[in-house]
Amino acid sequence: NAIWYYKNGNIKASLFYRMGSKNGVMKTYYENGSLESEQKWNNNHRYG
């Protein structure tokens, strides 16, 4: 799991990596904590 944070401590983005490759659901957030996006990844490719 990889997690990025804003300076205020809120999560900016989260994604799972499998040996360097993006896999699973990536979520990004606005600085206020509300959801900004949801994307599916499989071996570094968006899908669905």
All heavy atoms as atom14 arrays in JSON, in Angstrom:
{
  "sequence": "NAIWYYKNGNIKASLFYRMGSKNGVMKTYYENGSLESEQKWNNNHRYG",
  "atom14_mask": [
    [1, 1, 1, 1, 1, 1, 1, 1, 0, 0, 0, 0, 0, 0],
    [1, 1, 1, 1, 1, 0, 0, 0, 0, 0, 0, 0, 0, 0],
    [1, 1, 1, 1, 1, 1, 1, 1, 0, 0, 0, 0, 0, 0],
    [1, 1, 1, 1, 1, 1, 1, 1, 1, 1, 1, 1, 1, 1],
    [1, 1, 1, 1, 1, 1, 1, 1, 1, 1, 1, 1, 0, 0],
    [1, 1, 1, 1, 1, 1, 1, 1, 1, 1, 1, 1, 0, 0],
    [1, 1, 1, 1, 1, 1, 1, 1, 1, 0, 0, 0, 0, 0],
    [1, 1, 1, 1, 1, 1, 1, 1, 0, 0, 0, 0, 0, 0],
    [1, 1, 1, 1, 0, 0, 0, 0, 0, 0, 0, 0, 0, 0],
    [1, 1, 1, 1, 1, 1, 1, 1, 0, 0, 0, 0, 0, 0],
    [1, 1, 1, 1, 1, 1, 1, 1, 0, 0, 0, 0, 0, 0],
    [1, 1, 1, 1, 1, 1, 1, 1, 1, 0, 0, 0, 0, 0],
    [1, 1, 1, 1, 1, 0, 0, 0, 0, 0, 0, 0, 0, 0],
    [1, 1, 1, 1, 1, 1, 0, 0, 0, 0, 0, 0, 0, 0],
    [1, 1, 1, 1, 1, 1, 1, 1, 0, 0, 0, 0, 0, 0],
    [1, 1, 1, 1, 1, 1, 1, 1, 1, 1, 1, 0, 0, 0],
    [1, 1, 1, 1, 1, 1, 1, 1, 1, 1, 1, 1, 0, 0],
    [1, 1, 1, 1, 1, 1, 1, 1, 1, 1, 1, 0, 0, 0],
    [1, 1, 1, 1, 1, 1, 1, 1, 0, 0, 0, 0, 0, 0],
    [1, 1, 1, 1, 0, 0, 0, 0, 0, 0, 0, 0, 0, 0],
    [1, 1, 1, 1, 1, 1, 0, 0, 0, 0, 0, 0, 0, 0],
    [1, 1, 1, 1, 1, 1, 1, 1, 1, 0, 0, 0, 0, 0],
    [1, 1, 1, 1, 1, 1, 1, 1, 0, 0, 0, 0, 0, 0],
    [1, 1, 1, 1, 0, 0, 0, 0, 0, 0, 0, 0, 0, 0],
    [1, 1, 1, 1, 1, 1, 1, 0, 0, 0, 0, 0, 0, 0],
    [1, 1, 1, 1, 1, 1, 1, 1, 0, 0, 0, 0, 0, 0],
    [1, 1, 1, 1, 1, 1, 1, 1, 1, 0, 0, 0, 0, 0],
    [1, 1, 1, 1, 1, 1, 1, 0, 0, 0, 0, 0, 0, 0],
    [1, 1, 1, 1, 1, 1, 1, 1, 1, 1, 1, 1, 0, 0],
    [1, 1, 1, 1, 1, 1, 1, 1, 1, 1, 1, 1, 0, 0],
    [1, 1, 1, 1, 1, 1, 1, 1, 1, 0, 0, 0, 0, 0],
    [1, 1, 1, 1, 1, 1, 1, 1, 0, 0, 0, 0, 0, 0],
    [1, 1, 1, 1, 0, 0, 0, 0, 0, 0, 0, 0, 0, 0],
    [1, 1, 1, 1, 1, 1, 0, 0, 0, 0, 0, 0, 0, 0],
    [1, 1, 1, 1, 1, 1, 1, 1, 0, 0, 0, 0, 0, 0],
    [1, 1, 1, 1, 1, 1, 1, 1, 1, 0, 0, 0, 0, 0],
    [1, 1, 1, 1, 1, 1, 0, 0, 0, 0, 0, 0, 0, 0],
    [1, 1, 1, 1, 1, 1, 1, 1, 1, 0, 0, 0, 0, 0],
    [1, 1, 1, 1, 1, 1, 1, 1, 1, 0, 0, 0, 0, 0],
    [1, 1, 1, 1, 1, 1, 1, 1, 1, 0, 0, 0, 0, 0],
    [1, 1, 1, 1, 1, 1, 1, 1, 1, 1, 1, 1, 1, 1],
    [1, 1, 1, 1, 1, 1, 1, 1, 0, 0, 0, 0, 0, 0],
    [1, 1, 1, 1, 1, 1, 1, 1, 0, 0, 0, 0, 0, 0],
    [1, 1, 1, 1, 1, 1, 1, 1, 0, 0, 0, 0, 0, 0],
    [1, 1, 1, 1, 1, 1, 1, 1, 1, 1, 0, 0, 0, 0],
    [1, 1, 1, 1, 1, 1, 1, 1, 1, 1, 1, 0, 0, 0],
    [1, 1, 1, 1, 1, 1, 1, 1, 1, 1, 1, 1, 0, 0],
    [1, 1, 1, 1, 0, 0, 0, 0, 0, 0, 0, 0, 0, 0]
  ],
  "atom14_positions": [
    [[0.83, -1.2, 0.0], [0.0, 0.0, 0.0], [0.87, 1.25, 0.0], [1.84, 1.34, 0.74], [-0.92, 0.01, 1.22], [-1.99, -1.07, 1.13], [-2.58, -1.27, 0.09], [-2.23, -1.75, 2.24], [0.0, 0.0, 0.0], [0.0, 0.0, 0.0], [0.0, 0.0, 0.0], [0.0, 0.0, 0.0], [0.0, 0.0, 0.0], [0.0, 0.0, 0.0]],
    [[0.48, 2.21, -0.84], [1.17, 3.51, -0.88], [0.14, 4.59, -0.57], [-0.94, 4.61, -1.16], [1.79, 3.74, -2.25], [0.0, 0.0, 0.0], [0.0, 0.0, 0.0], [0.0, 0.0, 0.0], [0.0, 0.0, 0.0], [0.0, 0.0, 0.0], [0.0, 0.0, 0.0], [0.0, 0.0, 0.0], [0.0, 0.0, 0.0], [0.0, 0.0, 0.0]],
    [[0.5, 5.49, 0.35], [-0.42, 6.54, 0.76], [0.31, 7.88, 0.75], [1.4, 8.01, 1.31], [-0.99, 6.28, 2.16], [-1.66, 4.9, 2.23], [-1.99, 7.37, 2.55], [-2.16, 4.52, 3.61], [0.0, 0.0, 0.0], [0.0, 0.0, 0.0], [0.0, 0.0, 0.0], [0.0, 0.0, 0.0], [0.0, 0.0, 0.0], [0.0, 0.0, 0.0]],
    [[-0.3, 8.87, 0.09], [0.21, 10.23, 0.07], [-0.65, 11.09, 0.99], [-1.86, 10.87, 1.11], [0.16, 10.8, -1.34], [1.09, 10.17, -2.33], [2.29, 10.65, -2.77], [0.9, 8.93, -3.04], [2.85, 9.8, -3.69], [2.01, 8.73, -3.88], [-0.12, 7.97, -3.04], [2.15, 7.62, -4.7], [0.0, 6.86, -3.86], [1.13, 6.69, -4.68]],
    [[-0.04, 12.1, 1.61], [-0.75, 12.94, 2.57], [-0.58, 14.42, 2.25], [0.44, 14.85, 1.71], [-0.21, 12.7, 3.99], [-0.45, 11.31, 4.52], [0.48, 10.3, 4.27], [-1.57, 11.0, 5.28], [0.29, 9.01, 4.76], [-1.78, 9.73, 5.77], [-0.85, 8.73, 5.51], [-1.04, 7.46, 5.98], [0.0, 0.0, 0.0], [0.0, 0.0, 0.0]],
    [[-1.6, 15.2, 2.61], [-1.47, 16.66, 2.59], [-0.73, 17.1, 3.85], [-0.59, 16.33, 4.8], [-2.85, 17.31, 2.55], [-3.57, 17.18, 1.23], [-4.61, 16.27, 1.06], [-3.24, 18.0, 0.14], [-5.29, 16.16, -0.15], [-3.91, 17.9, -1.07], [-4.93, 16.98, -1.21], [-5.59, 16.88, -2.41], [0.0, 0.0, 0.0], [0.0, 0.0, 0.0]],
    [[-0.34, 18.34, 3.86], [0.38, 18.87, 5.02], [-0.49, 18.88, 6.27], [0.01, 18.83, 7.39], [0.89, 20.28, 4.74], [2.03, 20.32, 3.73], [2.53, 21.74, 3.52], [3.69, 21.76, 2.53], [4.21, 23.14, 2.3], [0.0, 0.0, 0.0], [0.0, 0.0, 0.0], [0.0, 0.0, 0.0], [0.0, 0.0, 0.0], [0.0, 0.0, 0.0]],
    [[-1.84, 18.95, 6.08], [-2.73, 18.97, 7.23], [-3.01, 17.57, 7.8], [-3.75, 17.42, 8.76], [-4.06, 19.66, 6.89], [-4.85, 18.91, 5.81], [-4.49, 17.81, 5.39], [-5.93, 19.52, 5.35], [0.0, 0.0, 0.0], [0.0, 0.0, 0.0], [0.0, 0.0, 0.0], [0.0, 0.0, 0.0], [0.0, 0.0, 0.0], [0.0, 0.0, 0.0]],
    [[-2.41, 16.54, 7.17], [-2.56, 15.17, 7.66], [-3.61, 14.36, 6.95], [-3.66, 13.12, 7.11], [0.0, 0.0, 0.0], [0.0, 0.0, 0.0], [0.0, 0.0, 0.0], [0.0, 0.0, 0.0], [0.0, 0.0, 0.0], [0.0, 0.0, 0.0], [0.0, 0.0, 0.0], [0.0, 0.0, 0.0], [0.0, 0.0, 0.0], [0.0, 0.0, 0.0]],
    [[-4.46, 15.01, 6.15], [-5.48, 14.27, 5.4], [-4.85, 13.49, 4.26], [-3.84, 13.91, 3.68], [-6.54, 15.23, 4.84], [-7.45, 15.78, 5.91], [-7.56, 15.21, 7.01], [-8.12, 16.88, 5.62], [0.0, 0.0, 0.0], [0.0, 0.0, 0.0], [0.0, 0.0, 0.0], [0.0, 0.0, 0.0], [0.0, 0.0, 0.0], [0.0, 0.0, 0.0]],
    [[-5.46, 12.38, 3.92], [-4.95, 11.55, 2.82], [-5.18, 12.24, 1.48], [-6.27, 12.74, 1.21], [-5.63, 10.16, 2.83], [-5.21, 9.38, 4.08], [-5.25, 9.37, 1.58], [-5.9, 8.04, 4.22], [0.0, 0.0, 0.0], [0.0, 0.0, 0.0], [0.0, 0.0, 0.0], [0.0, 0.0, 0.0], [0.0, 0.0, 0.0], [0.0, 0.0, 0.0]],
    [[-4.14, 12.25, 0.66], [-4.2, 12.84, -0.68], [-4.51, 11.78, -1.73], [-5.29, 12.03, -2.67], [-2.88, 13.53, -0.99], [-2.86, 14.31, -2.28], [-1.52, 15.04, -2.45], [-1.52, 15.91, -3.67], [-0.22, 16.65, -3.82], [0.0, 0.0, 0.0], [0.0, 0.0, 0.0], [0.0, 0.0, 0.0], [0.0, 0.0, 0.0], [0.0, 0.0, 0.0]],
    [[-3.91, 10.61, -1.6], [-4.13, 9.52, -2.55], [-3.69, 8.2, -1.93], [-2.85, 8.18, -1.03], [-3.36, 9.77, -3.85], [0.0, 0.0, 0.0], [0.0, 0.0, 0.0], [0.0, 0.0, 0.0], [0.0, 0.0, 0.0], [0.0, 0.0, 0.0], [0.0, 0.0, 0.0], [0.0, 0.0, 0.0], [0.0, 0.0, 0.0], [0.0, 0.0, 0.0]],
    [[-4.27, 7.12, -2.42], [-3.88, 5.79, -1.96], [-3.96, 4.81, -3.12], [-4.85, 4.91, -3.97], [-4.78, 5.31, -0.81], [-6.12, 5.19, -1.23], [0.0, 0.0, 0.0], [0.0, 0.0, 0.0], [0.0, 0.0, 0.0], [0.0, 0.0, 0.0], [0.0, 0.0, 0.0], [0.0, 0.0, 0.0], [0.0, 0.0, 0.0], [0.0, 0.0, 0.0]],
    [[-3.03, 3.86, -3.14], [-2.97, 2.88, -4.22], [-2.11, 1.7, -3.77], [-1.17, 1.87, -2.99], [-2.38, 3.5, -5.48], [-2.19, 2.6, -6.71], [-3.51, 2.04, -7.19], [-1.51, 3.37, -7.84], [0.0, 0.0, 0.0], [0.0, 0.0, 0.0], [0.0, 0.0, 0.0], [0.0, 0.0, 0.0], [0.0, 0.0, 0.0], [0.0, 0.0, 0.0]],
    [[-2.44, 0.53, -4.29], [-1.64, -0.66, -3.99], [-0.7, -0.95, -5.15], [-1.08, -0.89, -6.32], [-2.56, -1.87, -3.77], [-1.82, -3.13, -3.44], [-1.36, -3.38, -2.15], [-1.55, -4.08, -4.42], [-0.66, -4.54, -1.84], [-0.85, -5.24, -4.13], [-0.41, -5.46, -2.83], [0.0, 0.0, 0.0], [0.0, 0.0, 0.0], [0.0, 0.0, 0.0]],
    [[0.54, -1.26, -4.81], [1.56, -1.64, -5.8], [1.94, -3.1, -5.59], [2.12, -3.54, -4.45], [2.81, -0.8, -5.65], [2.7, 0.61, -6.2], [2.1, 1.62, -5.45], [3.2, 0.93, -7.45], [2.01, 2.91, -5.94], [3.13, 2.22, -7.96], [2.53, 3.2, -7.2], [2.44, 4.49, -7.69], [0.0, 0.0, 0.0], [0.0, 0.0, 0.0]],
    [[2.08, -3.83, -6.67], [2.6, -5.19, -6.62], [3.92, -5.21, -7.36], [3.97, -5.19, -8.58], [1.61, -6.18, -7.22], [2.08, -7.63, -7.13], [1.08, -8.6, -7.73], [-0.15, -8.64, -6.95], [-1.33, -8.22, -7.38], [-1.43, -7.71, -8.6], [-2.39, -8.3, -6.61], [0.0, 0.0, 0.0], [0.0, 0.0, 0.0], [0.0, 0.0, 0.0]],
    [[5.0, -5.18, -6.62], [6.36, -5.16, -7.18], [6.51, -4.1, -8.28], [6.92, -4.38, -9.4], [6.76, -6.53, -7.69], [6.96, -7.56, -6.6], [8.18, -7.03, -5.33], [9.69, -6.93, -6.28], [0.0, 0.0, 0.0], [0.0, 0.0, 0.0], [0.0, 0.0, 0.0], [0.0, 0.0, 0.0], [0.0, 0.0, 0.0], [0.0, 0.0, 0.0]],
    [[6.15, -2.88, -7.92], [6.34, -1.75, -8.81], [5.2, -1.45, -9.75], [5.18, -0.39, -10.39], [0.0, 0.0, 0.0], [0.0, 0.0, 0.0], [0.0, 0.0, 0.0], [0.0, 0.0, 0.0], [0.0, 0.0, 0.0], [0.0, 0.0, 0.0], [0.0, 0.0, 0.0], [0.0, 0.0, 0.0], [0.0, 0.0, 0.0], [0.0, 0.0, 0.0]],
    [[4.22, -2.35, -9.86], [3.1, -2.17, -10.77], [1.85, -1.72, -10.02], [1.53, -2.26, -8.95], [2.79, -3.46, -11.53], [3.86, -3.82, -12.37], [0.0, 0.0, 0.0], [0.0, 0.0, 0.0], [0.0, 0.0, 0.0], [0.0, 0.0, 0.0], [0.0, 0.0, 0.0], [0.0, 0.0, 0.0], [0.0, 0.0, 0.0], [0.0, 0.0, 0.0]],
    [[1.15, -0.74, -10.58], [-0.08, -0.26, -9.96], [-1.18, -1.3, -10.13], [-1.44, -1.77, -11.25], [-0.52, 1.05, -10.62], [0.47, 2.19, -10.45], [0.02, 3.42, -11.2], [1.02, 4.56, -11.07], [0.64, 5.75, -11.84], [0.0, 0.0, 0.0], [0.0, 0.0, 0.0], [0.0, 0.0, 0.0], [0.0, 0.0, 0.0], [0.0, 0.0, 0.0]],
    [[-1.82, -1.66, -9.02], [-2.89, -2.64, -9.05], [-3.95, -2.27, -8.02], [-3.64, -1.77, -6.94], [-2.37, -4.05, -8.73], [-1.64, -4.68, -9.9], [-2.24, -5.29, -10.77], [-0.31, -4.53, -9.91], [0.0, 0.0, 0.0], [0.0, 0.0, 0.0], [0.0, 0.0, 0.0], [0.0, 0.0, 0.0], [0.0, 0.0, 0.0], [0.0, 0.0, 0.0]],
    [[-5.21, -2.52, -8.39], [-6.29, -2.24, -7.46], [-6.94, -0.89, -7.71], [-6.78, -0.29, -8.78], [0.0, 0.0, 0.0], [0.0, 0.0, 0.0], [0.0, 0.0, 0.0], [0.0, 0.0, 0.0], [0.0, 0.0, 0.0], [0.0, 0.0, 0.0], [0.0, 0.0, 0.0], [0.0, 0.0, 0.0], [0.0, 0.0, 0.0], [0.0, 0.0, 0.0]],
    [[-7.66, -0.39, -6.72], [-8.4, 0.87, -6.85], [-7.57, 2.01, -6.28], [-7.16, 1.98, -5.13], [-9.75, 0.8, -6.11], [-10.47, 2.14, -6.22], [-10.62, -0.31, -6.69], [0.0, 0.0, 0.0], [0.0, 0.0, 0.0], [0.0, 0.0, 0.0], [0.0, 0.0, 0.0], [0.0, 0.0, 0.0], [0.0, 0.0, 0.0], [0.0, 0.0, 0.0]],
    [[-7.32, 3.0, -7.11], [-6.65, 4.21, -6.65], [-7.7, 5.25, -6.29], [-8.65, 5.49, -7.06], [-5.74, 4.78, -7.73], [-5.01, 6.05, -7.31], [-3.9, 6.67, -8.61], [-3.13, 8.04, -7.75], [0.0, 0.0, 0.0], [0.0, 0.0, 0.0], [0.0, 0.0, 0.0], [0.0, 0.0, 0.0], [0.0, 0.0, 0.0], [0.0, 0.0, 0.0]],
    [[-7.54, 5.87, -5.13], [-8.45, 6.92, -4.69], [-7.65, 8.18, -4.42], [-6.59, 8.12, -3.81], [-9.22, 6.51, -3.45], [-10.2, 5.36, -3.68], [-11.03, 5.08, -2.42], [-12.04, 3.97, -2.68], [-12.89, 3.71, -1.48], [0.0, 0.0, 0.0], [0.0, 0.0, 0.0], [0.0, 0.0, 0.0], [0.0, 0.0, 0.0], [0.0, 0.0, 0.0]],
    [[-8.17, 9.31, -4.9], [-7.56, 10.61, -4.59], [-8.58, 11.46, -3.85], [-9.79, 11.28, -4.03], [-7.08, 11.33, -5.85], [-8.21, 11.63, -6.69], [-6.09, 10.47, -6.64], [0.0, 0.0, 0.0], [0.0, 0.0, 0.0], [0.0, 0.0, 0.0], [0.0, 0.0, 0.0], [0.0, 0.0, 0.0], [0.0, 0.0, 0.0], [0.0, 0.0, 0.0]],
    [[-8.07, 12.39, -3.04], [-8.94, 13.19, -2.18], [-8.58, 14.66, -2.27], [-7.42, 15.02, -2.53], [-8.81, 12.73, -0.73], [-9.18, 11.29, -0.5], [-8.24, 10.28, -0.68], [-10.46, 10.93, -0.09], [-8.56, 8.96, -0.48], [-10.79, 9.6, 0.13], [-9.84, 8.61, -0.07], [-10.17, 7.3, 0.14], [0.0, 0.0, 0.0], [0.0, 0.0, 0.0]],
    [[-9.59, 15.51, -2.06], [-9.34, 16.93, -1.91], [-8.72, 17.17, -0.53], [-8.79, 16.32, 0.36], [-10.63, 17.73, -2.06], [-11.17, 17.74, -3.47], [-12.26, 16.94, -3.83], [-10.62, 18.57, -4.44], [-12.77, 16.96, -5.12], [-11.12, 18.6, -5.74], [-12.19, 17.78, -6.07], [-12.69, 17.8, -7.35], [0.0, 0.0, 0.0], [0.0, 0.0, 0.0]],
    [[-8.15, 18.34, -0.36], [-7.47, 18.63, 0.89], [-8.42, 18.63, 2.09], [-8.02, 18.38, 3.23], [-6.74, 19.97, 0.8], [-5.71, 20.18, 1.89], [-4.77, 21.34, 1.6], [-4.91, 21.97, 0.53], [-3.9, 21.61, 2.44], [0.0, 0.0, 0.0], [0.0, 0.0, 0.0], [0.0, 0.0, 0.0], [0.0, 0.0, 0.0], [0.0, 0.0, 0.0]],
    [[-9.71, 18.89, 1.82], [-10.69, 18.88, 2.92], [-11.15, 17.47, 3.3], [-11.94, 17.3, 4.22], [-11.9, 19.75, 2.57], [-12.69, 19.2, 1.39], [-12.38, 18.15, 0.83], [-13.73, 19.92, 0.99], [0.0, 0.0, 0.0], [0.0, 0.0, 0.0], [0.0, 0.0, 0.0], [0.0, 0.0, 0.0], [0.0, 0.0, 0.0], [0.0, 0.0, 0.0]],
    [[-10.65, 16.46, 2.56], [-10.98, 15.07, 2.88], [-12.03, 14.44, 2.0], [-12.24, 13.22, 2.05], [0.0, 0.0, 0.0], [0.0, 0.0, 0.0], [0.0, 0.0, 0.0], [0.0, 0.0, 0.0], [0.0, 0.0, 0.0], [0.0, 0.0, 0.0], [0.0, 0.0, 0.0], [0.0, 0.0, 0.0], [0.0, 0.0, 0.0], [0.0, 0.0, 0.0]],
    [[-12.73, 15.23, 1.18], [-13.76, 14.67, 0.3], [-13.12, 13.94, -0.88], [-12.04, 14.3, -1.35], [-14.71, 15.76, -0.19], [-14.01, 16.75, -0.91], [0.0, 0.0, 0.0], [0.0, 0.0, 0.0], [0.0, 0.0, 0.0], [0.0, 0.0, 0.0], [0.0, 0.0, 0.0], [0.0, 0.0, 0.0], [0.0, 0.0, 0.0], [0.0, 0.0, 0.0]],
    [[-13.81, 12.93, -1.37], [-13.29, 12.08, -2.45], [-13.21, 12.85, -3.76], [-14.16, 13.51, -4.16], [-14.18, 10.85, -2.61], [-13.74, 9.77, -3.58], [-12.42, 9.15, -3.14], [-14.81, 8.69, -3.69], [0.0, 0.0, 0.0], [0.0, 0.0, 0.0], [0.0, 0.0, 0.0], [0.0, 0.0, 0.0], [0.0, 0.0, 0.0], [0.0, 0.0, 0.0]],
    [[-12.07, 12.75, -4.43], [-11.86, 13.44, -5.7], [-12.0, 12.49, -6.89], [-12.56, 12.85, -7.94], [-10.48, 14.09, -5.74], [-10.18, 14.84, -7.02], [-8.77, 15.39, -7.07], [-7.88, 14.82, -6.41], [-8.54, 16.39, -7.78], [0.0, 0.0, 0.0], [0.0, 0.0, 0.0], [0.0, 0.0, 0.0], [0.0, 0.0, 0.0], [0.0, 0.0, 0.0]],
    [[-11.47, 11.25, -6.78], [-11.54, 10.32, -7.9], [-11.39, 8.88, -7.44], [-10.85, 8.61, -6.37], [-10.45, 10.63, -8.94], [-9.17, 10.29, -8.45], [0.0, 0.0, 0.0], [0.0, 0.0, 0.0], [0.0, 0.0, 0.0], [0.0, 0.0, 0.0], [0.0, 0.0, 0.0], [0.0, 0.0, 0.0], [0.0, 0.0, 0.0], [0.0, 0.0, 0.0]],
    [[-11.86, 7.96, -8.29], [-11.7, 6.52, -8.1], [-11.33, 5.91, -9.44], [-12.02, 6.12, -10.44], [-12.99, 5.88, -7.6], [-13.45, 6.35, -6.23], [-14.8, 5.77, -5.85], [-15.81, 6.29, -6.37], [-14.84, 4.82, -5.05], [0.0, 0.0, 0.0], [0.0, 0.0, 0.0], [0.0, 0.0, 0.0], [0.0, 0.0, 0.0], [0.0, 0.0, 0.0]],
    [[-10.22, 5.18, -9.48], [-9.75, 4.58, -10.73], [-9.28, 3.15, -10.47], [-8.67, 2.88, -9.44], [-8.58, 5.39, -11.29], [-8.78, 6.87, -11.36], [-7.46, 7.62, -11.46], [-6.54, 7.17, -12.15], [-7.35, 8.73, -10.77], [0.0, 0.0, 0.0], [0.0, 0.0, 0.0], [0.0, 0.0, 0.0], [0.0, 0.0, 0.0], [0.0, 0.0, 0.0]],
    [[-9.54, 2.26, -11.41], [-9.07, 0.89, -11.3], [-7.78, 0.72, -12.11], [-7.68, 1.21, -13.23], [-10.13, -0.09, -11.82], [-11.38, -0.17, -10.98], [-12.36, -1.16, -11.57], [-13.62, -1.28, -10.75], [-14.58, -2.23, -11.35], [0.0, 0.0, 0.0], [0.0, 0.0, 0.0], [0.0, 0.0, 0.0], [0.0, 0.0, 0.0], [0.0, 0.0, 0.0]],
    [[-6.83, -0.01, -11.51], [-5.55, -0.25, -12.17], [-5.24, -1.75, -12.18], [-5.55, -2.46, -11.23], [-4.42, 0.47, -11.45], [-4.44, 1.96, -11.64], [-5.21, 2.87, -10.96], [-3.66, 2.71, -12.57], [-4.95, 4.13, -11.41], [-4.0, 4.07, -12.39], [-2.7, 2.37, -13.51], [-3.42, 5.09, -13.15], [-2.12, 3.38, -14.26], [-2.49, 4.72, -14.08]],
    [[-4.63, -2.18, -13.28], [-4.17, -3.56, -13.39], [-2.85, -3.57, -14.15], [-2.81, -3.25, -15.34], [-5.21, -4.43, -14.13], [-4.78, -5.86, -14.26], [-4.37, -6.49, -13.28], [-4.85, -6.4, -15.47], [0.0, 0.0, 0.0], [0.0, 0.0, 0.0], [0.0, 0.0, 0.0], [0.0, 0.0, 0.0], [0.0, 0.0, 0.0], [0.0, 0.0, 0.0]],
    [[-1.77, -3.9, -13.44], [-0.44, -3.94, -14.06], [-0.11, -2.65, -14.81], [0.26, -2.66, -15.98], [-0.31, -5.15, -14.99], [-0.31, -6.45, -14.21], [0.18, -6.52, -13.09], [-0.87, -7.48, -14.82], [0.0, 0.0, 0.0], [0.0, 0.0, 0.0], [0.0, 0.0, 0.0], [0.0, 0.0, 0.0], [0.0, 0.0, 0.0], [0.0, 0.0, 0.0]],
    [[-0.29, -1.53, -14.1], [0.04, -0.2, -14.62], [-0.89, 0.31, -15.71], [-0.6, 1.3, -16.37], [1.49, -0.14, -15.13], [2.49, -0.03, -14.0], [2.19, 0.46, -12.92], [3.71, -0.5, -14.23], [0.0, 0.0, 0.0], [0.0, 0.0, 0.0], [0.0, 0.0, 0.0], [0.0, 0.0, 0.0], [0.0, 0.0, 0.0], [0.0, 0.0, 0.0]],
    [[-2.02, -0.35, -15.91], [-3.01, 0.11, -16.89], [-4.32, 0.41, -16.18], [-4.79, -0.37, -15.36], [-3.27, -0.95, -17.97], [-2.12, -1.2, -18.88], [-1.66, -0.26, -19.78], [-1.32, -2.28, -19.04], [-0.64, -0.75, -20.45], [-0.41, -1.98, -20.02], [0.0, 0.0, 0.0], [0.0, 0.0, 0.0], [0.0, 0.0, 0.0], [0.0, 0.0, 0.0]],
    [[-4.91, 1.56, -16.5], [-6.27, 1.81, -16.04], [-7.21, 0.86, -16.79], [-6.99, 0.54, -17.95], [-6.69, 3.24, -16.32], [-5.98, 4.29, -15.48], [-6.57, 5.66, -15.78], [-5.98, 6.7, -14.97], [-4.94, 7.43, -15.33], [-4.36, 7.19, -16.51], [-4.46, 8.37, -14.55], [0.0, 0.0, 0.0], [0.0, 0.0, 0.0], [0.0, 0.0, 0.0]],
    [[-8.28, 0.45, -16.12], [-9.28, -0.36, -16.81], [-10.63, -0.15, -16.16], [-10.74, 0.24, -14.99], [-8.89, -1.85, -16.79], [-9.18, -2.54, -15.47], [-10.35, -3.28, -15.29], [-8.29, -2.43, -14.41], [-10.61, -3.9, -14.07], [-8.55, -3.06, -13.2], [-9.71, -3.78, -13.05], [-9.97, -4.39, -11.85], [0.0, 0.0, 0.0], [0.0, 0.0, 0.0]],
    [[-11.69, -0.41, -16.93], [-13.03, -0.29, -16.38], [-13.42, 1.14, -16.08], [-12.98, 2.09, -16.72], [0.0, 0.0, 0.0], [0.0, 0.0, 0.0], [0.0, 0.0, 0.0], [0.0, 0.0, 0.0], [0.0, 0.0, 0.0], [0.0, 0.0, 0.0], [0.0, 0.0, 0.0], [0.0, 0.0, 0.0], [0.0, 0.0, 0.0], [0.0, 0.0, 0.0]]
  ]
}
